[in-house]
Amino acid sequence: RNLMVVTNNINVANILVANPDCQI
């Protein structure tokens, strides 16, 4: 819960979209 993730990996972003409590 309540994560902020900075990534240069589009696959990571697509995975974490499923977590509504994660700012990407």
mmCIF file of all heavy atoms, coordinates in Angstrom:
data_MODEL
# 
_entry.id   MODEL 
# 
loop_
_atom_site.group_PDB 
_atom_site.id 
_atom_site.type_symbol 
_atom_site.label_atom_id 
_atom_site.label_alt_id 
_atom_site.label_comp_id 
_atom_site.label_asym_id 
_atom_site.label_entity_id 
_atom_site.label_seq_id 
_atom_site.pdbx_PDB_ins_code 
_atom_site.Cartn_x 
_atom_site.Cartn_y 
_atom_site.Cartn_z 
_atom_site.occupancy 
_atom_site.B_iso_or_equiv 
_atom_site.pdbx_formal_charge 
_atom_site.auth_seq_id 
_atom_site.auth_comp_id 
_atom_site.auth_asym_id 
_atom_site.auth_atom_id 
_atom_site.pdbx_PDB_model_num 
ATOM 1   N N   . ARG A 1 1  ? 0.826  -1.200 0.000   1.00 0.00 ? 1  ARG A N   1 
ATOM 2   C CA  . ARG A 1 1  ? 0.000  0.000  0.000   1.00 0.00 ? 1  ARG A CA  1 
ATOM 3   C C   . ARG A 1 1  ? 0.866  1.257  0.000   1.00 0.00 ? 1  ARG A C   1 
ATOM 4   O O   . ARG A 1 1  ? 1.939  1.292  0.587   1.00 0.00 ? 1  ARG A O   1 
ATOM 5   C CB  . ARG A 1 1  ? -0.939 0.005  1.217   1.00 0.00 ? 1  ARG A CB  1 
ATOM 6   C CG  . ARG A 1 1  ? -2.017 -1.088 1.158   1.00 0.00 ? 1  ARG A CG  1 
ATOM 7   C CD  . ARG A 1 1  ? -2.916 -1.039 2.367   1.00 0.00 ? 1  ARG A CD  1 
ATOM 8   N NE  . ARG A 1 1  ? -2.170 -1.292 3.603   1.00 0.00 ? 1  ARG A NE  1 
ATOM 9   C CZ  . ARG A 1 1  ? -2.725 -1.261 4.816   1.00 0.00 ? 1  ARG A CZ  1 
ATOM 10  N NH1 . ARG A 1 1  ? -4.008 -0.968 4.960   1.00 0.00 ? 1  ARG A NH1 1 
ATOM 11  N NH2 . ARG A 1 1  ? -1.986 -1.519 5.889   1.00 0.00 ? 1  ARG A NH2 1 
ATOM 12  N N   . ASN A 1 2  ? 0.315  2.260  -0.664  1.00 0.00 ? 2  ASN A N   1 
ATOM 13  C CA  . ASN A 1 2  ? 0.898  3.603  -0.650  1.00 0.00 ? 2  ASN A CA  1 
ATOM 14  C C   . ASN A 1 2  ? 2.372  3.601  -1.085  1.00 0.00 ? 2  ASN A C   1 
ATOM 15  O O   . ASN A 1 2  ? 3.248  4.081  -0.383  1.00 0.00 ? 2  ASN A O   1 
ATOM 16  C CB  . ASN A 1 2  ? 0.761  4.232  0.739   1.00 0.00 ? 2  ASN A CB  1 
ATOM 17  C CG  . ASN A 1 2  ? 0.983  5.748  0.687   1.00 0.00 ? 2  ASN A CG  1 
ATOM 18  O OD1 . ASN A 1 2  ? 0.775  6.380  -0.351  1.00 0.00 ? 2  ASN A OD1 1 
ATOM 19  N ND2 . ASN A 1 2  ? 1.402  6.321  1.791   1.00 0.00 ? 2  ASN A ND2 1 
ATOM 20  N N   . LEU A 1 3  ? 2.589  3.072  -2.291  1.00 0.00 ? 3  LEU A N   1 
ATOM 21  C CA  . LEU A 1 3  ? 3.920  3.089  -2.876  1.00 0.00 ? 3  LEU A CA  1 
ATOM 22  C C   . LEU A 1 3  ? 4.016  4.176  -3.941  1.00 0.00 ? 3  LEU A C   1 
ATOM 23  O O   . LEU A 1 3  ? 3.026  4.519  -4.585  1.00 0.00 ? 3  LEU A O   1 
ATOM 24  C CB  . LEU A 1 3  ? 4.241  1.745  -3.547  1.00 0.00 ? 3  LEU A CB  1 
ATOM 25  C CG  . LEU A 1 3  ? 4.413  0.507  -2.679  1.00 0.00 ? 3  LEU A CG  1 
ATOM 26  C CD1 . LEU A 1 3  ? 4.724  -0.691 -3.571  1.00 0.00 ? 3  LEU A CD1 1 
ATOM 27  C CD2 . LEU A 1 3  ? 5.504  0.700  -1.633  1.00 0.00 ? 3  LEU A CD2 1 
ATOM 28  N N   . MET A 1 4  ? 5.223  4.704  -4.134  1.00 0.00 ? 4  MET A N   1 
ATOM 29  C CA  . MET A 1 4  ? 5.523  5.482  -5.326  1.00 0.00 ? 4  MET A CA  1 
ATOM 30  C C   . MET A 1 4  ? 6.710  4.809  -6.004  1.00 0.00 ? 4  MET A C   1 
ATOM 31  O O   . MET A 1 4  ? 7.766  4.618  -5.382  1.00 0.00 ? 4  MET A O   1 
ATOM 32  C CB  . MET A 1 4  ? 5.887  6.927  -5.018  1.00 0.00 ? 4  MET A CB  1 
ATOM 33  C CG  . MET A 1 4  ? 6.044  7.750  -6.310  1.00 0.00 ? 4  MET A CG  1 
ATOM 34  S SD  . MET A 1 4  ? 6.617  9.447  -6.070  1.00 0.00 ? 4  MET A SD  1 
ATOM 35  C CE  . MET A 1 4  ? 8.367  9.150  -5.835  1.00 0.00 ? 4  MET A CE  1 
ATOM 36  N N   . VAL A 1 5  ? 6.536  4.415  -7.266  1.00 0.00 ? 5  VAL A N   1 
ATOM 37  C CA  . VAL A 1 5  ? 7.579  3.699  -7.997  1.00 0.00 ? 5  VAL A CA  1 
ATOM 38  C C   . VAL A 1 5  ? 7.985  4.524  -9.210  1.00 0.00 ? 5  VAL A C   1 
ATOM 39  O O   . VAL A 1 5  ? 7.151  4.901  -10.034 1.00 0.00 ? 5  VAL A O   1 
ATOM 40  C CB  . VAL A 1 5  ? 7.091  2.308  -8.453  1.00 0.00 ? 5  VAL A CB  1 
ATOM 41  C CG1 . VAL A 1 5  ? 8.130  1.642  -9.350  1.00 0.00 ? 5  VAL A CG1 1 
ATOM 42  C CG2 . VAL A 1 5  ? 6.786  1.428  -7.247  1.00 0.00 ? 5  VAL A CG2 1 
ATOM 43  N N   . VAL A 1 6  ? 9.273  4.809  -9.307  1.00 0.00 ? 6  VAL A N   1 
ATOM 44  C CA  . VAL A 1 6  ? 9.853  5.445  -10.488 1.00 0.00 ? 6  VAL A CA  1 
ATOM 45  C C   . VAL A 1 6  ? 10.572 4.357  -11.261 1.00 0.00 ? 6  VAL A C   1 
ATOM 46  O O   . VAL A 1 6  ? 11.382 3.611  -10.695 1.00 0.00 ? 6  VAL A O   1 
ATOM 47  C CB  . VAL A 1 6  ? 10.849 6.559  -10.101 1.00 0.00 ? 6  VAL A CB  1 
ATOM 48  C CG1 . VAL A 1 6  ? 11.384 7.246  -11.352 1.00 0.00 ? 6  VAL A CG1 1 
ATOM 49  C CG2 . VAL A 1 6  ? 10.200 7.560  -9.163  1.00 0.00 ? 6  VAL A CG2 1 
ATOM 50  N N   . THR A 1 7  ? 10.284 4.204  -12.550 1.00 0.00 ? 7  THR A N   1 
ATOM 51  C CA  . THR A 1 7  ? 10.884 3.121  -13.313 1.00 0.00 ? 7  THR A CA  1 
ATOM 52  C C   . THR A 1 7  ? 11.182 3.533  -14.742 1.00 0.00 ? 7  THR A C   1 
ATOM 53  O O   . THR A 1 7  ? 10.484 4.386  -15.318 1.00 0.00 ? 7  THR A O   1 
ATOM 54  C CB  . THR A 1 7  ? 9.964  1.876  -13.307 1.00 0.00 ? 7  THR A CB  1 
ATOM 55  O OG1 . THR A 1 7  ? 10.634 0.796  -13.980 1.00 0.00 ? 7  THR A OG1 1 
ATOM 56  C CG2 . THR A 1 7  ? 8.634  2.166  -13.998 1.00 0.00 ? 7  THR A CG2 1 
ATOM 57  N N   . ASN A 1 8  ? 12.210 2.955  -15.308 1.00 0.00 ? 8  ASN A N   1 
ATOM 58  C CA  . ASN A 1 8  ? 12.507 3.095  -16.738 1.00 0.00 ? 8  ASN A CA  1 
ATOM 59  C C   . ASN A 1 8  ? 12.209 1.780  -17.456 1.00 0.00 ? 8  ASN A C   1 
ATOM 60  O O   . ASN A 1 8  ? 12.811 1.475  -18.478 1.00 0.00 ? 8  ASN A O   1 
ATOM 61  C CB  . ASN A 1 8  ? 13.968 3.511  -16.953 1.00 0.00 ? 8  ASN A CB  1 
ATOM 62  C CG  . ASN A 1 8  ? 14.962 2.483  -16.438 1.00 0.00 ? 8  ASN A CG  1 
ATOM 63  O OD1 . ASN A 1 8  ? 14.739 1.842  -15.422 1.00 0.00 ? 8  ASN A OD1 1 
ATOM 64  N ND2 . ASN A 1 8  ? 16.082 2.345  -17.138 1.00 0.00 ? 8  ASN A ND2 1 
ATOM 65  N N   . ASN A 1 9  ? 11.268 1.034  -16.916 1.00 0.00 ? 9  ASN A N   1 
ATOM 66  C CA  . ASN A 1 9  ? 10.896 -0.278 -17.433 1.00 0.00 ? 9  ASN A CA  1 
ATOM 67  C C   . ASN A 1 9  ? 9.392  -0.284 -17.690 1.00 0.00 ? 9  ASN A C   1 
ATOM 68  O O   . ASN A 1 9  ? 8.592  -0.315 -16.746 1.00 0.00 ? 9  ASN A O   1 
ATOM 69  C CB  . ASN A 1 9  ? 11.293 -1.355 -16.410 1.00 0.00 ? 9  ASN A CB  1 
ATOM 70  C CG  . ASN A 1 9  ? 11.050 -2.766 -16.886 1.00 0.00 ? 9  ASN A CG  1 
ATOM 71  O OD1 . ASN A 1 9  ? 10.240 -3.011 -17.771 1.00 0.00 ? 9  ASN A OD1 1 
ATOM 72  N ND2 . ASN A 1 9  ? 11.752 -3.713 -16.284 1.00 0.00 ? 9  ASN A ND2 1 
ATOM 73  N N   . ILE A 1 10 ? 8.996  -0.244 -18.935 1.00 0.00 ? 10 ILE A N   1 
ATOM 74  C CA  . ILE A 1 10 ? 7.565  -0.210 -19.283 1.00 0.00 ? 10 ILE A CA  1 
ATOM 75  C C   . ILE A 1 10 ? 6.855  -1.452 -18.749 1.00 0.00 ? 10 ILE A C   1 
ATOM 76  O O   . ILE A 1 10 ? 5.691  -1.389 -18.330 1.00 0.00 ? 10 ILE A O   1 
ATOM 77  C CB  . ILE A 1 10 ? 7.394  -0.082 -20.813 1.00 0.00 ? 10 ILE A CB  1 
ATOM 78  C CG1 . ILE A 1 10 ? 7.696  1.359  -21.252 1.00 0.00 ? 10 ILE A CG1 1 
ATOM 79  C CG2 . ILE A 1 10 ? 5.988  -0.466 -21.238 1.00 0.00 ? 10 ILE A CG2 1 
ATOM 80  C CD1 . ILE A 1 10 ? 7.609  1.573  -22.738 1.00 0.00 ? 10 ILE A CD1 1 
ATOM 81  N N   . ASN A 1 11 ? 7.523  -2.590 -18.741 1.00 0.00 ? 11 ASN A N   1 
ATOM 82  C CA  . ASN A 1 11 ? 6.897  -3.818 -18.235 1.00 0.00 ? 11 ASN A CA  1 
ATOM 83  C C   . ASN A 1 11 ? 6.581  -3.706 -16.746 1.00 0.00 ? 11 ASN A C   1 
ATOM 84  O O   . ASN A 1 11 ? 5.535  -4.167 -16.288 1.00 0.00 ? 11 ASN A O   1 
ATOM 85  C CB  . ASN A 1 11 ? 7.813  -5.011 -18.497 1.00 0.00 ? 11 ASN A CB  1 
ATOM 86  C CG  . ASN A 1 11 ? 8.095  -5.216 -19.968 1.00 0.00 ? 11 ASN A CG  1 
ATOM 87  O OD1 . ASN A 1 11 ? 7.191  -5.220 -20.783 1.00 0.00 ? 11 ASN A OD1 1 
ATOM 88  N ND2 . ASN A 1 11 ? 9.365  -5.373 -20.313 1.00 0.00 ? 11 ASN A ND2 1 
ATOM 89  N N   . VAL A 1 12 ? 7.489  -3.090 -15.985 1.00 0.00 ? 12 VAL A N   1 
ATOM 90  C CA  . VAL A 1 12 ? 7.228  -2.861 -14.559 1.00 0.00 ? 12 VAL A CA  1 
ATOM 91  C C   . VAL A 1 12 ? 6.001  -1.976 -14.379 1.00 0.00 ? 12 VAL A C   1 
ATOM 92  O O   . VAL A 1 12 ? 5.132  -2.243 -13.541 1.00 0.00 ? 12 VAL A O   1 
ATOM 93  C CB  . VAL A 1 12 ? 8.467  -2.227 -13.882 1.00 0.00 ? 12 VAL A CB  1 
ATOM 94  C CG1 . VAL A 1 12 ? 8.090  -1.585 -12.547 1.00 0.00 ? 12 VAL A CG1 1 
ATOM 95  C CG2 . VAL A 1 12 ? 9.543  -3.278 -13.663 1.00 0.00 ? 12 VAL A CG2 1 
ATOM 96  N N   . ALA A 1 13 ? 5.922  -0.902 -15.171 1.00 0.00 ? 13 ALA A N   1 
ATOM 97  C CA  . ALA A 1 13 ? 4.774  0.005  -15.074 1.00 0.00 ? 13 ALA A CA  1 
ATOM 98  C C   . ALA A 1 13 ? 3.477  -0.731 -15.383 1.00 0.00 ? 13 ALA A C   1 
ATOM 99  O O   . ALA A 1 13 ? 2.465  -0.569 -14.676 1.00 0.00 ? 13 ALA A O   1 
ATOM 100 C CB  . ALA A 1 13 ? 4.961  1.183  -16.027 1.00 0.00 ? 13 ALA A CB  1 
ATOM 101 N N   . ASN A 1 14 ? 3.485  -1.562 -16.414 1.00 0.00 ? 14 ASN A N   1 
ATOM 102 C CA  . ASN A 1 14 ? 2.279  -2.309 -16.784 1.00 0.00 ? 14 ASN A CA  1 
ATOM 103 C C   . ASN A 1 14 ? 1.868  -3.299 -15.705 1.00 0.00 ? 14 ASN A C   1 
ATOM 104 O O   . ASN A 1 14 ? 0.677  -3.531 -15.474 1.00 0.00 ? 14 ASN A O   1 
ATOM 105 C CB  . ASN A 1 14 ? 2.502  -3.044 -18.108 1.00 0.00 ? 14 ASN A CB  1 
ATOM 106 C CG  . ASN A 1 14 ? 2.462  -2.121 -19.309 1.00 0.00 ? 14 ASN A CG  1 
ATOM 107 O OD1 . ASN A 1 14 ? 1.813  -1.072 -19.265 1.00 0.00 ? 14 ASN A OD1 1 
ATOM 108 N ND2 . ASN A 1 14 ? 3.157  -2.483 -20.364 1.00 0.00 ? 14 ASN A ND2 1 
ATOM 109 N N   . ILE A 1 15 ? 2.837  -3.902 -15.027 1.00 0.00 ? 15 ILE A N   1 
ATOM 110 C CA  . ILE A 1 15 ? 2.529  -4.822 -13.928 1.00 0.00 ? 15 ILE A CA  1 
ATOM 111 C C   . ILE A 1 15 ? 1.891  -4.071 -12.764 1.00 0.00 ? 15 ILE A C   1 
ATOM 112 O O   . ILE A 1 15 ? 0.864  -4.472 -12.214 1.00 0.00 ? 15 ILE A O   1 
ATOM 113 C CB  . ILE A 1 15 ? 3.803  -5.555 -13.467 1.00 0.00 ? 15 ILE A CB  1 
ATOM 114 C CG1 . ILE A 1 15 ? 4.288  -6.528 -14.542 1.00 0.00 ? 15 ILE A CG1 1 
ATOM 115 C CG2 . ILE A 1 15 ? 3.564  -6.300 -12.147 1.00 0.00 ? 15 ILE A CG2 1 
ATOM 116 C CD1 . ILE A 1 15 ? 5.705  -7.038 -14.335 1.00 0.00 ? 15 ILE A CD1 1 
ATOM 117 N N   . LEU A 1 16 ? 2.486  -2.939 -12.392 1.00 0.00 ? 16 LEU A N   1 
ATOM 118 C CA  . LEU A 1 16 ? 2.041  -2.211 -11.203 1.00 0.00 ? 16 LEU A CA  1 
ATOM 119 C C   . LEU A 1 16 ? 0.749  -1.433 -11.415 1.00 0.00 ? 16 LEU A C   1 
ATOM 120 O O   . LEU A 1 16 ? 0.153  -0.973 -10.437 1.00 0.00 ? 16 LEU A O   1 
ATOM 121 C CB  . LEU A 1 16 ? 3.158  -1.271 -10.739 1.00 0.00 ? 16 LEU A CB  1 
ATOM 122 C CG  . LEU A 1 16 ? 4.365  -1.971 -10.113 1.00 0.00 ? 16 LEU A CG  1 
ATOM 123 C CD1 . LEU A 1 16 ? 5.489  -0.978 -9.861  1.00 0.00 ? 16 LEU A CD1 1 
ATOM 124 C CD2 . LEU A 1 16 ? 3.977  -2.670 -8.808  1.00 0.00 ? 16 LEU A CD2 1 
ATOM 125 N N   . VAL A 1 17 ? 0.313  -1.306 -12.655 1.00 0.00 ? 17 VAL A N   1 
ATOM 126 C CA  . VAL A 1 17 ? -0.998 -0.689 -12.918 1.00 0.00 ? 17 VAL A CA  1 
ATOM 127 C C   . VAL A 1 17 ? -2.088 -1.415 -12.149 1.00 0.00 ? 17 VAL A C   1 
ATOM 128 O O   . VAL A 1 17 ? -3.099 -0.826 -11.743 1.00 0.00 ? 17 VAL A O   1 
ATOM 129 C CB  . VAL A 1 17 ? -1.284 -0.677 -14.436 1.00 0.00 ? 17 VAL A CB  1 
ATOM 130 C CG1 . VAL A 1 17 ? -2.770 -0.479 -14.713 1.00 0.00 ? 17 VAL A CG1 1 
ATOM 131 C CG2 . VAL A 1 17 ? -0.477 0.414  -15.125 1.00 0.00 ? 17 VAL A CG2 1 
ATOM 132 N N   . ALA A 1 18 ? -1.896 -2.715 -11.910 1.00 0.00 ? 18 ALA A N   1 
ATOM 133 C CA  . ALA A 1 18 ? -2.903 -3.518 -11.202 1.00 0.00 ? 18 ALA A CA  1 
ATOM 134 C C   . ALA A 1 18 ? -2.964 -3.199 -9.715  1.00 0.00 ? 18 ALA A C   1 
ATOM 135 O O   . ALA A 1 18 ? -3.876 -3.674 -9.028  1.00 0.00 ? 18 ALA A O   1 
ATOM 136 C CB  . ALA A 1 18 ? -2.619 -5.002 -11.406 1.00 0.00 ? 18 ALA A CB  1 
ATOM 137 N N   . ASN A 1 19 ? -2.025 -2.413 -9.207  1.00 0.00 ? 19 ASN A N   1 
ATOM 138 C CA  . ASN A 1 19 ? -2.054 -2.004 -7.799  1.00 0.00 ? 19 ASN A CA  1 
ATOM 139 C C   . ASN A 1 19 ? -2.587 -0.578 -7.716  1.00 0.00 ? 19 ASN A C   1 
ATOM 140 O O   . ASN A 1 19 ? -1.868 0.380  -8.015  1.00 0.00 ? 19 ASN A O   1 
ATOM 141 C CB  . ASN A 1 19 ? -0.645 -2.083 -7.192  1.00 0.00 ? 19 ASN A CB  1 
ATOM 142 C CG  . ASN A 1 19 ? -0.621 -1.715 -5.711  1.00 0.00 ? 19 ASN A CG  1 
ATOM 143 O OD1 . ASN A 1 19 ? -1.602 -1.213 -5.162  1.00 0.00 ? 19 ASN A OD1 1 
ATOM 144 N ND2 . ASN A 1 19 ? 0.495  -1.955 -5.055  1.00 0.00 ? 19 ASN A ND2 1 
ATOM 145 N N   . PRO A 1 20 ? -3.840 -0.393 -7.302  1.00 0.00 ? 20 PRO A N   1 
ATOM 146 C CA  . PRO A 1 20 ? -4.411 0.955  -7.272  1.00 0.00 ? 20 PRO A CA  1 
ATOM 147 C C   . PRO A 1 20 ? -3.786 1.853  -6.217  1.00 0.00 ? 20 PRO A C   1 
ATOM 148 O O   . PRO A 1 20 ? -3.994 3.074  -6.225  1.00 0.00 ? 20 PRO A O   1 
ATOM 149 C CB  . PRO A 1 20 ? -5.895 0.697  -6.968  1.00 0.00 ? 20 PRO A CB  1 
ATOM 150 C CG  . PRO A 1 20 ? -5.904 -0.603 -6.230  1.00 0.00 ? 20 PRO A CG  1 
ATOM 151 C CD  . PRO A 1 20 ? -4.788 -1.414 -6.832  1.00 0.00 ? 20 PRO A CD  1 
ATOM 152 N N   . ASP A 1 21 ? -3.010 1.262  -5.311  1.00 0.00 ? 21 ASP A N   1 
ATOM 153 C CA  . ASP A 1 21 ? -2.388 2.023  -4.232  1.00 0.00 ? 21 ASP A CA  1 
ATOM 154 C C   . ASP A 1 21 ? -0.926 2.350  -4.548  1.00 0.00 ? 21 ASP A C   1 
ATOM 155 O O   . ASP A 1 21 ? -0.143 2.616  -3.633  1.00 0.00 ? 21 ASP A O   1 
ATOM 156 C CB  . ASP A 1 21 ? -2.455 1.221  -2.927  1.00 0.00 ? 21 ASP A CB  1 
ATOM 157 C CG  . ASP A 1 21 ? -3.010 2.057  -1.775  1.00 0.00 ? 21 ASP A CG  1 
ATOM 158 O OD1 . ASP A 1 21 ? -3.405 3.201  -2.025  1.00 0.00 ? 21 ASP A OD1 1 
ATOM 159 O OD2 . ASP A 1 21 ? -3.028 1.555  -0.643  1.00 0.00 ? 21 ASP A OD2 1 
ATOM 160 N N   . CYS A 1 22 ? -0.578 2.314  -5.824  1.00 0.00 ? 22 CYS A N   1 
ATOM 161 C CA  . CYS A 1 22 ? 0.797  2.574  -6.244  1.00 0.00 ? 22 CYS A CA  1 
ATOM 162 C C   . CYS A 1 22 ? 0.823  3.701  -7.269  1.00 0.00 ? 22 CYS A C   1 
ATOM 163 O O   . CYS A 1 22 ? 0.195  3.595  -8.326  1.00 0.00 ? 22 CYS A O   1 
ATOM 164 C CB  . CYS A 1 22 ? 1.420  1.314  -6.845  1.00 0.00 ? 22 CYS A CB  1 
ATOM 165 S SG  . CYS A 1 22 ? 3.104  1.541  -7.451  1.00 0.00 ? 22 CYS A SG  1 
ATOM 166 N N   . GLN A 1 23 ? 1.529  4.780  -6.941  1.00 0.00 ? 23 GLN A N   1 
ATOM 167 C CA  . GLN A 1 23 ? 1.743  5.863  -7.900  1.00 0.00 ? 23 GLN A CA  1 
ATOM 168 C C   . GLN A 1 23 ? 2.950  5.500  -8.770  1.00 0.00 ? 23 GLN A C   1 
ATOM 169 O O   . GLN A 1 23 ? 4.009  5.135  -8.263  1.00 0.00 ? 23 GLN A O   1 
ATOM 170 C CB  . GLN A 1 23 ? 2.006  7.183  -7.186  1.00 0.00 ? 23 GLN A CB  1 
ATOM 171 C CG  . GLN A 1 23 ? 2.237  8.362  -8.128  1.00 0.00 ? 23 GLN A CG  1 
ATOM 172 C CD  . GLN A 1 23 ? 2.577  9.635  -7.372  1.00 0.00 ? 23 GLN A CD  1 
ATOM 173 O OE1 . GLN A 1 23 ? 2.660  9.627  -6.147  1.00 0.00 ? 23 GLN A OE1 1 
ATOM 174 N NE2 . GLN A 1 23 ? 2.797  10.717 -8.089  1.00 0.00 ? 23 GLN A NE2 1 
ATOM 175 N N   . ILE A 1 24 ? 2.799  5.578  -10.082 1.00 0.00 ? 24 ILE A N   1 
ATOM 176 C CA  . ILE A 1 24 ? 3.843  5.155  -11.016 1.00 0.00 ? 24 ILE A CA  1 
ATOM 177 C C   . ILE A 1 24 ? 4.365  6.365  -11.774 1.00 0.00 ? 24 ILE A C   1 
ATOM 178 O O   . ILE A 1 24 ? 3.595  7.133  -12.356 1.00 0.00 ? 24 ILE A O   1 
ATOM 179 C CB  . ILE A 1 24 ? 3.302  4.115  -12.016 1.00 0.00 ? 24 ILE A CB  1 
ATOM 180 C CG1 . ILE A 1 24 ? 2.709  2.913  -11.283 1.00 0.00 ? 24 ILE A CG1 1 
ATOM 181 C CG2 . ILE A 1 24 ? 4.399  3.669  -12.970 1.00 0.00 ? 24 ILE A CG2 1 
ATOM 182 C CD1 . ILE A 1 24 ? 1.847  2.027  -12.170 1.00 0.00 ? 24 ILE A CD1 1 
# 
